[in-house]
Amino acid sequence: MIKVILSTFILVFIAELGDKTQLQTMLLTAKNNSPVPVFIGASLALVCSSILGVFAGTYITKHVPPNFIQNAAGILFIIMGILILLNKI
């Protein structure tokens, strides 16, 4: 169990570094000069989105094989990357 917790923490932590959410959090802190409320709001948002992901993953894996989900996610990330490079997103 600790291995799953650590690997999830590392994956999410690395994925969130330098992304739009972190940049927006820095901007909100600078704009409002209120680091604690911004931290609480950002933390609650990440917890809520993680809860949605866990419940969706639990439900989806009961009906769809995990390898299909992994392949579909990979394809979607490639498509999003191409759209970002083309300034479509």
Protein backbone atom coordinates (compact mmCIF):
# COMPACT_ATOMS: atom_id res chain seq x y z
CA MET A 1 0.00 0.00 0.00
CA ILE A 2 2.80 2.45 0.84
CA LYS A 3 4.33 1.77 -2.59
CA VAL A 4 1.10 2.86 -4.32
CA ILE A 5 0.87 5.97 -2.13
CA LEU A 6 4.48 6.98 -2.83
CA SER A 7 4.30 6.31 -6.56
CA THR A 8 1.03 8.27 -6.82
CA PHE A 9 2.50 11.16 -4.84
CA ILE A 10 5.63 11.30 -7.00
CA LEU A 11 3.66 11.06 -10.25
CA VAL A 12 1.14 13.77 -9.32
CA PHE A 13 3.80 16.01 -7.78
CA ILE A 14 6.00 15.89 -10.88
CA ALA A 15 3.01 16.27 -13.22
CA GLU A 16 1.84 19.39 -11.39
CA LEU A 17 5.23 21.16 -11.31
CA GLY A 18 5.31 24.10 -13.66
CA ASP A 19 1.87 23.52 -15.12
CA LYS A 20 -0.83 26.15 -15.61
CA THR A 21 -2.34 25.41 -12.20
CA GLN A 22 0.89 26.13 -10.36
CA LEU A 23 1.48 29.30 -12.36
CA GLN A 24 -2.08 30.47 -11.69
CA THR A 25 -1.63 29.76 -7.98
CA MET A 26 1.53 31.85 -7.92
CA LEU A 27 -0.26 34.69 -9.71
CA LEU A 28 -3.22 34.57 -7.32
CA THR A 29 -0.88 34.67 -4.34
CA ALA A 30 1.01 37.64 -5.75
CA LYS A 31 -2.18 39.48 -6.72
CA ASN A 32 -4.02 38.95 -3.43
CA ASN A 33 -0.99 38.84 -1.13
CA SER A 34 -2.83 36.04 0.69
CA PRO A 35 -0.78 32.84 0.55
CA VAL A 36 -2.77 30.85 3.13
CA PRO A 37 -6.24 31.27 1.52
CA VAL A 38 -4.78 30.58 -1.93
CA PHE A 39 -3.03 27.46 -0.58
CA ILE A 40 -6.26 26.24 1.02
CA GLY A 41 -8.28 26.86 -2.15
CA ALA A 42 -5.70 25.23 -4.42
CA SER A 43 -5.35 22.25 -2.08
CA LEU A 44 -9.11 21.72 -1.91
CA ALA A 45 -9.34 21.93 -5.70
CA LEU A 46 -6.63 19.28 -6.13
CA VAL A 47 -8.30 17.03 -3.57
CA CYS A 48 -11.68 17.36 -5.30
CA SER A 49 -10.27 16.69 -8.75
CA SER A 50 -8.36 13.70 -7.37
CA ILE A 51 -11.55 12.32 -5.80
CA LEU A 52 -13.27 12.58 -9.18
CA GLY A 53 -10.35 10.79 -10.82
CA VAL A 54 -10.37 7.97 -8.27
CA PHE A 55 -14.13 7.43 -8.53
CA ALA A 56 -14.06 7.63 -12.34
CA GLY A 57 -11.13 5.20 -12.46
CA THR A 58 -12.90 2.79 -10.12
CA TYR A 59 -16.06 2.87 -12.21
CA ILE A 60 -14.40 2.76 -15.62
CA THR A 61 -12.07 -0.14 -14.82
CA LYS A 62 -15.11 -2.26 -13.94
CA HIS A 63 -16.31 -1.91 -17.54
CA VAL A 64 -13.20 -1.20 -19.62
CA PRO A 65 -9.86 -3.09 -19.57
CA PRO A 66 -7.00 -1.06 -18.04
CA ASN A 67 -4.74 -1.49 -21.10
CA PHE A 68 -7.44 0.10 -23.29
CA ILE A 69 -7.68 3.05 -20.89
CA GLN A 70 -3.90 3.46 -20.91
CA ASN A 71 -3.74 3.38 -24.72
CA ALA A 72 -6.65 5.80 -25.07
CA ALA A 73 -5.04 8.20 -22.57
CA GLY A 74 -1.78 8.06 -24.50
CA ILE A 75 -3.54 8.83 -27.77
CA LEU A 76 -5.47 11.72 -26.17
CA PHE A 77 -2.24 13.21 -24.77
CA ILE A 78 -0.64 13.02 -28.21
CA ILE A 79 -3.66 14.71 -29.79
CA MET A 80 -3.66 17.44 -27.13
CA GLY A 81 0.08 17.97 -27.66
CA ILE A 82 -0.39 18.36 -31.40
CA LEU A 83 -3.29 20.80 -30.86
CA ILE A 84 -1.19 22.83 -28.44
CA LEU A 85 1.69 22.96 -30.93
CA LEU A 86 -0.74 24.16 -33.59
CA ASN A 87 -2.17 26.80 -31.20
CA LYS A 88 -5.63 25.26 -31.40
CA ILE A 89 -5.95 25.03 -27.61
